[in-house]
PDB file of N, CA and C in Angstrom:
ATOM      1  N   MET A   1      -7.230 -12.496  20.344  1.00  0.00           N
ATOM      2  CA  MET A   1      -6.513 -11.666  19.396  1.00  0.00           C
ATOM      3  C   MET A   1      -5.240 -11.147  20.063  1.00  0.00           C
ATOM      4  N   ALA A   2      -4.142 -11.172  19.344  1.00  0.00           N
ATOM      5  CA  ALA A   2      -2.873 -10.703  19.869  1.00  0.00           C
ATOM      6  C   ALA A   2      -2.917  -9.196  20.098  1.00  0.00           C
ATOM      7  N   GLU A   3      -2.207  -8.788  21.134  1.00  0.00           N
ATOM      8  CA  GLU A   3      -2.141  -7.366  21.439  1.00  0.00           C
ATOM      9  C   GLU A   3      -1.386  -6.648  20.329  1.00  0.00           C
ATOM     10  N   LYS A   4      -1.862  -5.468  19.959  1.00  0.00           N
ATOM     11  CA  LYS A   4      -1.204  -4.696  18.906  1.00  0.00           C
ATOM     12  C   LYS A   4      -0.292  -3.661  19.539  1.00  0.00           C
ATOM     13  N   LYS A   5       0.835  -3.456  18.913  1.00  0.00           N
ATOM     14  CA  LYS A   5       1.803  -2.467  19.368  1.00  0.00           C
ATOM     15  C   LYS A   5       1.486  -1.123  18.733  1.00  0.00           C
ATOM     16  N   GLN A   6       1.700  -0.071  19.496  1.00  0.00           N
ATOM     17  CA  GLN A   6       1.545   1.275  18.963  1.00  0.00           C
ATOM     18  C   GLN A   6       2.909   1.786  18.538  1.00  0.00           C
ATOM     19  N   VAL A   7       2.952   2.356  17.339  1.00  0.00           N
ATOM     20  CA  VAL A   7       4.201   2.861  16.787  1.00  0.00           C
ATOM     21  C   VAL A   7       3.971   4.292  16.324  1.00  0.00           C
ATOM     22  N   PRO A   8       4.700   5.252  16.903  1.00  0.00           N
ATOM     23  CA  PRO A   8       4.557   6.627  16.400  1.00  0.00           C
ATOM     24  C   PRO A   8       5.134   6.706  14.990  1.00  0.00           C
ATOM     25  N   LEU A   9       4.452   7.385  14.117  1.00  0.00           N
ATOM     26  CA  LEU A   9       4.862   7.448  12.718  1.00  0.00           C
ATOM     27  C   LEU A   9       4.658   8.858  12.195  1.00  0.00           C
ATOM     28  N   ARG A  10       5.697   9.404  11.608  1.00  0.00           N
ATOM     29  CA  ARG A  10       5.596  10.734  11.001  1.00  0.00           C
ATOM     30  C   ARG A  10       5.569  10.569   9.487  1.00  0.00           C
ATOM     31  N   LEU A  11       4.585  11.183   8.853  1.00  0.00           N
ATOM     32  CA  LEU A  11       4.441  11.127   7.398  1.00  0.00           C
ATOM     33  C   LEU A  11       4.348  12.540   6.854  1.00  0.00           C
ATOM     34  N   SER A  12       4.827  12.733   5.645  1.00  0.00           N
ATOM     35  CA  SER A  12       4.621  14.029   5.007  1.00  0.00           C
ATOM     36  C   SER A  12       3.121  14.196   4.760  1.00  0.00           C
ATOM     37  N   GLU A  13       2.698  15.425   4.626  1.00  0.00           N
ATOM     38  CA  GLU A  13       1.278  15.676   4.387  1.00  0.00           C
ATOM     39  C   GLU A  13       0.825  15.047   3.070  1.00  0.00           C
ATOM     40  N   LYS A  14       1.682  15.132   2.042  1.00  0.00           N
ATOM     41  CA  LYS A  14       1.326  14.549   0.750  1.00  0.00           C
ATOM     42  C   LYS A  14       1.165  13.044   0.855  1.00  0.00           C
ATOM     43  N   LEU A  15       2.113  12.376   1.509  1.00  0.00           N
ATOM     44  CA  LEU A  15       2.018  10.928   1.659  1.00  0.00           C
ATOM     45  C   LEU A  15       0.773  10.556   2.453  1.00  0.00           C
ATOM     46  N   TYR A  16       0.507  11.283   3.531  1.00  0.00           N
ATOM     47  CA  TYR A  16      -0.690  10.997   4.326  1.00  0.00           C
ATOM     48  C   TYR A  16      -1.949  11.145   3.476  1.00  0.00           C
ATOM     49  N   ASN A  17      -2.028  12.226   2.702  1.00  0.00           N
ATOM     50  CA  ASN A  17      -3.215  12.457   1.871  1.00  0.00           C
ATOM     51  C   ASN A  17      -3.373  11.364   0.819  1.00  0.00           C
ATOM     52  N   ASP A  18      -2.251  10.931   0.228  1.00  0.00           N
ATOM     53  CA  ASP A  18      -2.305   9.845  -0.753  1.00  0.00           C
ATOM     54  C   ASP A  18      -2.774   8.549  -0.093  1.00  0.00           C
ATOM     55  N   LEU A  19      -2.244   8.245   1.080  1.00  0.00           N
ATOM     56  CA  LEU A  19      -2.667   7.044   1.805  1.00  0.00           C
ATOM     57  C   LEU A  19      -4.135   7.123   2.206  1.00  0.00           C
ATOM     58  N   ALA A  20      -4.572   8.301   2.641  1.00  0.00           N
ATOM     59  CA  ALA A  20      -5.968   8.481   3.045  1.00  0.00           C
ATOM     60  C   ALA A  20      -6.913   8.256   1.870  1.00  0.00           C
ATOM     61  N   ALA A  21      -6.546   8.772   0.698  1.00  0.00           N
ATOM     62  CA  ALA A  21      -7.380   8.577  -0.497  1.00  0.00           C
ATOM     63  C   ALA A  21      -7.424   7.104  -0.878  1.00  0.00           C
ATOM     64  N   TRP A  22      -6.286   6.435  -0.831  1.00  0.00           N
ATOM     65  CA  TRP A  22      -6.206   5.011  -1.158  1.00  0.00           C
ATOM     66  C   TRP A  22      -7.007   4.199  -0.154  1.00  0.00           C
ATOM     67  N   ALA A  23      -6.872   4.544   1.107  1.00  0.00           N
ATOM     68  CA  ALA A  23      -7.618   3.833   2.158  1.00  0.00           C
ATOM     69  C   ALA A  23      -9.122   3.969   1.931  1.00  0.00           C
ATOM     70  N   GLU A  24      -9.545   5.154   1.567  1.00  0.00           N
ATOM     71  CA  GLU A  24     -10.976   5.379   1.317  1.00  0.00           C
ATOM     72  C   GLU A  24     -11.464   4.513   0.159  1.00  0.00           C
ATOM     73  N   GLU A  25     -10.661   4.405  -0.890  1.00  0.00           N
ATOM     74  CA  GLU A  25     -11.016   3.558  -2.032  1.00  0.00           C
ATOM     75  C   GLU A  25     -11.177   2.097  -1.606  1.00  0.00           C
ATOM     76  N   ASP A  26     -10.338   1.676  -0.659  1.00  0.00           N
ATOM     77  CA  ASP A  26     -10.348   0.288  -0.194  1.00  0.00           C
ATOM     78  C   ASP A  26     -11.234   0.081   1.032  1.00  0.00           C
ATOM     79  N   PHE A  27     -11.986   1.112   1.421  1.00  0.00           N
ATOM     80  CA  PHE A  27     -12.886   1.057   2.569  1.00  0.00           C
ATOM     81  C   PHE A  27     -12.138   0.671   3.850  1.00  0.00           C
ATOM     82  N   ARG A  28     -10.969   1.305   4.057  1.00  0.00           N
ATOM     83  CA  ARG A  28     -10.170   1.095   5.257  1.00  0.00           C
ATOM     84  C   ARG A  28      -9.862   2.433   5.894  1.00  0.00           C
ATOM     85  N   SER A  29      -9.492   2.396   7.170  1.00  0.00           N
ATOM     86  CA  SER A  29      -8.958   3.584   7.821  1.00  0.00           C
ATOM     87  C   SER A  29      -7.521   3.765   7.335  1.00  0.00           C
ATOM     88  N   VAL A  30      -6.944   4.930   7.566  1.00  0.00           N
ATOM     89  CA  VAL A  30      -5.551   5.152   7.191  1.00  0.00           C
ATOM     90  C   VAL A  30      -4.670   4.169   7.956  1.00  0.00           C
ATOM     91  N   ASN A  31      -4.924   4.002   9.238  1.00  0.00           N
ATOM     92  CA  ASN A  31      -4.158   3.054  10.035  1.00  0.00           C
ATOM     93  C   ASN A  31      -4.294   1.634   9.474  1.00  0.00           C
ATOM     94  N   GLY A  32      -5.505   1.251   9.125  1.00  0.00           N
ATOM     95  CA  GLY A  32      -5.741  -0.068   8.545  1.00  0.00           C
ATOM     96  C   GLY A  32      -5.032  -0.246   7.217  1.00  0.00           C
ATOM     97  N   GLN A  33      -4.988   0.814   6.417  1.00  0.00           N
ATOM     98  CA  GLN A  33      -4.311   0.747   5.126  1.00  0.00           C
ATOM     99  C   GLN A  33      -2.805   0.574   5.321  1.00  0.00           C
ATOM    100  N   ILE A  34      -2.231   1.333   6.239  1.00  0.00           N
ATOM    101  CA  ILE A  34      -0.796   1.213   6.510  1.00  0.00           C
ATOM    102  C   ILE A  34      -0.479  -0.189   7.002  1.00  0.00           C
ATOM    103  N   GLU A  35      -1.297  -0.721   7.910  1.00  0.00           N
ATOM    104  CA  GLU A  35      -1.070  -2.072   8.418  1.00  0.00           C
ATOM    105  C   GLU A  35      -1.187  -3.107   7.296  1.00  0.00           C
ATOM    106  N   TYR A  36      -2.176  -2.941   6.427  1.00  0.00           N
ATOM    107  CA  TYR A  36      -2.353  -3.851   5.290  1.00  0.00           C
ATOM    108  C   TYR A  36      -1.125  -3.814   4.378  1.00  0.00           C
ATOM    109  N   LEU A  37      -0.670  -2.616   4.028  1.00  0.00           N
ATOM    110  CA  LEU A  37       0.473  -2.485   3.119  1.00  0.00           C
ATOM    111  C   LEU A  37       1.742  -3.065   3.734  1.00  0.00           C
ATOM    112  N   LEU A  38       1.964  -2.824   5.015  1.00  0.00           N
ATOM    113  CA  LEU A  38       3.135  -3.387   5.678  1.00  0.00           C
ATOM    114  C   LEU A  38       3.054  -4.911   5.736  1.00  0.00           C
ATOM    115  N   THR A  39       1.862  -5.438   5.996  1.00  0.00           N
ATOM    116  CA  THR A  39       1.672  -6.892   6.036  1.00  0.00           C
ATOM    117  C   THR A  39       1.992  -7.507   4.680  1.00  0.00           C
ATOM    118  N   GLU A  40       1.496  -6.896   3.602  1.00  0.00           N
ATOM    119  CA  GLU A  40       1.762  -7.396   2.260  1.00  0.00           C
ATOM    120  C   GLU A  40       3.253  -7.327   1.932  1.00  0.00           C
ATOM    121  N   CYS A  41       3.903  -6.261   2.347  1.00  0.00           N
ATOM    122  CA  CYS A  41       5.332  -6.111   2.100  1.00  0.00           C
ATOM    123  C   CYS A  41       6.117  -7.196   2.836  1.00  0.00           C
ATOM    124  N   VAL A  42       5.764  -7.480   4.072  1.00  0.00           N
ATOM    125  CA  VAL A  42       6.448  -8.529   4.840  1.00  0.00           C
ATOM    126  C   VAL A  42       6.207  -9.897   4.204  1.00  0.00           C
ATOM    127  N   LYS A  43       4.975 -10.164   3.752  1.00  0.00           N
ATOM    128  CA  LYS A  43       4.685 -11.429   3.065  1.00  0.00           C
ATOM    129  C   LYS A  43       5.562 -11.582   1.827  1.00  0.00           C
ATOM    130  N   GLN A  44       5.684 -10.498   1.054  1.00  0.00           N
ATOM    131  CA  GLN A  44       6.498 -10.521  -0.164  1.00  0.00           C
ATOM    132  C   GLN A  44       7.956 -10.784   0.182  1.00  0.00           C
ATOM    133  N   HIS A  45       8.436 -10.146   1.231  1.00  0.00           N
ATOM    134  CA  HIS A  45       9.822 -10.329   1.640  1.00  0.00           C
ATOM    135  C   HIS A  45      10.074 -11.771   2.076  1.00  0.00           C
ATOM    136  N   LYS A  46       9.135 -12.342   2.817  1.00  0.00           N
ATOM    137  CA  LYS A  46       9.286 -13.730   3.255  1.00  0.00           C
ATOM    138  C   LYS A  46       9.239 -14.685   2.063  1.00  0.00           C
ATOM    139  N   LYS A  47       8.464 -14.321   1.052  1.00  0.00           N
ATOM    140  CA  LYS A  47       8.288 -15.184  -0.115  1.00  0.00           C
ATOM    141  C   LYS A  47       9.541 -15.244  -0.978  1.00  0.00           C
ATOM    142  N   ASN A  48      10.142 -14.079  -1.248  1.00  0.00           N
ATOM    143  CA  ASN A  48      11.280 -14.081  -2.167  1.00  0.00           C
ATOM    144  C   ASN A  48      12.477 -13.261  -1.703  1.00  0.00           C
ATOM    145  N   GLY A  49      12.465 -12.833  -0.456  1.00  0.00           N
ATOM    146  CA  GLY A  49      13.605 -12.103   0.079  1.00  0.00           C
ATOM    147  C   GLY A  49      13.720 -10.667  -0.378  1.00  0.00           C
ATOM    148  N   LYS A  50      12.718 -10.178  -1.086  1.00  0.00           N
ATOM    149  CA  LYS A  50      12.734  -8.797  -1.552  1.00  0.00           C
ATOM    150  C   LYS A  50      11.608  -8.027  -0.863  1.00  0.00           C
ATOM    151  N   TYR A  51      11.817  -6.740  -0.728  1.00  0.00           N
ATOM    152  CA  TYR A  51      10.806  -5.916  -0.080  1.00  0.00           C
ATOM    153  C   TYR A  51       9.702  -5.502  -1.041  1.00  0.00           C
ATOM    154  N   VAL A  52      10.073  -5.267  -2.289  1.00  0.00           N
ATOM    155  CA  VAL A  52       9.086  -4.851  -3.289  1.00  0.00           C
ATOM    156  C   VAL A  52       9.378  -5.567  -4.601  1.00  0.00           C
ATOM    157  N   SER A  53       8.448  -5.514  -5.474  1.00  0.00           N
ATOM    158  CA  SER A  53       8.611  -6.143  -6.779  1.00  0.00           C
ATOM    159  C   SER A  53       9.765  -5.517  -7.541  1.00  0.00           C
ATOM    160  N   GLU A  54      10.453  -6.315  -8.323  1.00  0.00           N
ATOM    161  CA  GLU A  54      11.526  -5.791  -9.169  1.00  0.00           C
ATOM    162  C   GLU A  54      10.976  -4.861 -10.233  1.00  0.00           C
ATOM    163  N   LYS A  55       9.698  -4.946 -10.505  1.00  0.00           N
ATOM    164  CA  LYS A  55       9.064  -4.137 -11.552  1.00  0.00           C
ATOM    165  C   LYS A  55       8.380  -2.895 -10.989  1.00  0.00           C
ATOM    166  N   ILE A  56       8.718  -2.479  -9.775  1.00  0.00           N
ATOM    167  CA  ILE A  56       7.987  -1.391  -9.135  1.00  0.00           C
ATOM    168  C   ILE A  56       8.054  -0.085  -9.926  1.00  0.00           C
ATOM    169  N   ASP A  57       9.167   0.156 -10.616  1.00  0.00           N
ATOM    170  CA  ASP A  57       9.311   1.391 -11.376  1.00  0.00           C
ATOM    171  C   ASP A  57       8.874   1.260 -12.828  1.00  0.00           C
ATOM    172  N   ALA A  58       8.461   0.071 -13.231  1.00  0.00           N
ATOM    173  CA  ALA A  58       8.041  -0.135 -14.612  1.00  0.00           C
ATOM    174  C   ALA A  58       6.667   0.481 -14.845  1.00  0.00           C
ATOM    175  N   SER A  59       6.496   1.049 -16.010  1.00  0.00           N
ATOM    176  CA  SER A  59       5.191   1.610 -16.364  1.00  0.00           C
ATOM    177  C   SER A  59       4.191   0.478 -16.561  1.00  0.00           C
ATOM    178  N   PRO A  60       2.972   0.654 -16.062  1.00  0.00           N
ATOM    179  CA  PRO A  60       1.977  -0.401 -16.265  1.00  0.00           C
ATOM    180  C   PRO A  60       1.593  -0.518 -17.736  1.00  0.00           C
ATOM    181  N   ASP A  61       1.349  -1.726 -18.151  1.00  0.00           N
ATOM    182  CA  ASP A  61       0.944  -1.980 -19.533  1.00  0.00           C
ATOM    183  C   ASP A  61      -0.581  -1.996 -19.578  1.00  0.00           C
ATOM    184  N   ILE A  62      -1.162  -0.807 -19.742  1.00  0.00           N
ATOM    185  CA  ILE A  62      -2.614  -0.662 -19.701  1.00  0.00           C
ATOM    186  C   ILE A  62      -3.090  -0.012 -20.996  1.00  0.00           C
ATOM    187  N   ASP A  63      -4.102  -0.608 -21.602  1.00  0.00           N
ATOM    188  CA  ASP A  63      -4.724  -0.030 -22.794  1.00  0.00           C
ATOM    189  C   ASP A  63      -5.917   0.795 -22.336  1.00  0.00           C
ATOM    190  N   ILE A  64      -5.729   2.124 -22.241  1.00  0.00           N
ATOM    191  CA  ILE A  64      -6.807   2.967 -21.723  1.00  0.00           C
ATOM    192  C   ILE A  64      -7.993   3.052 -22.678  1.00  0.00           C
ATOM    193  N   ASN A  65      -7.780   2.697 -23.936  1.00  0.00           N
ATOM    194  CA  ASN A  65      -8.878   2.750 -24.902  1.00  0.00           C
ATOM    195  C   ASN A  65      -9.945   1.712 -24.606  1.00  0.00           C
ATOM    196  N   LYS A  66      -9.576   0.620 -23.936  1.00  0.00           N
ATOM    197  CA  LYS A  66     -10.583  -0.397 -23.636  1.00  0.00           C
ATOM    198  C   LYS A  66     -11.572   0.071 -22.572  1.00  0.00           C
ATOM    199  N   PHE A  67     -11.242   1.175 -21.883  1.00  0.00           N
ATOM    200  CA  PHE A  67     -12.144   1.703 -20.869  1.00  0.00           C
ATOM    201  C   PHE A  67     -13.040   2.823 -21.411  1.00  0.00           C
ATOM    202  N   ALA A  68     -12.806   3.232 -22.644  1.00  0.00           N
ATOM    203  CA  ALA A  68     -13.589   4.302 -23.252  1.00  0.00           C
ATOM    204  C   ALA A  68     -15.000   3.818 -23.556  1.00  0.00           C
ATOM    205  N   ASP A  69     -15.935   4.710 -23.452  1.00  0.00           N
ATOM    206  CA  ASP A  69     -17.356   4.351 -23.742  1.00  0.00           C
ATOM    207  C   ASP A  69     -17.599   4.181 -25.199  1.00  0.00           C
TER     208      ASP A  69
END
């Protein structure tokens, strides 16, 4: 396995808490979640030269009524 580099990172408390909650949902550590997200972002950039989707600010098209009991 390749050696991993350590990178000091400062995050706002809100961002850290949001990442921690997301990581917990995905059964990852916060560090693992950050590494996963950065890896996906780099893959996307290599694929189409963009860092994020052009639709990142678009509202999701979700019908919440289909989830109602």
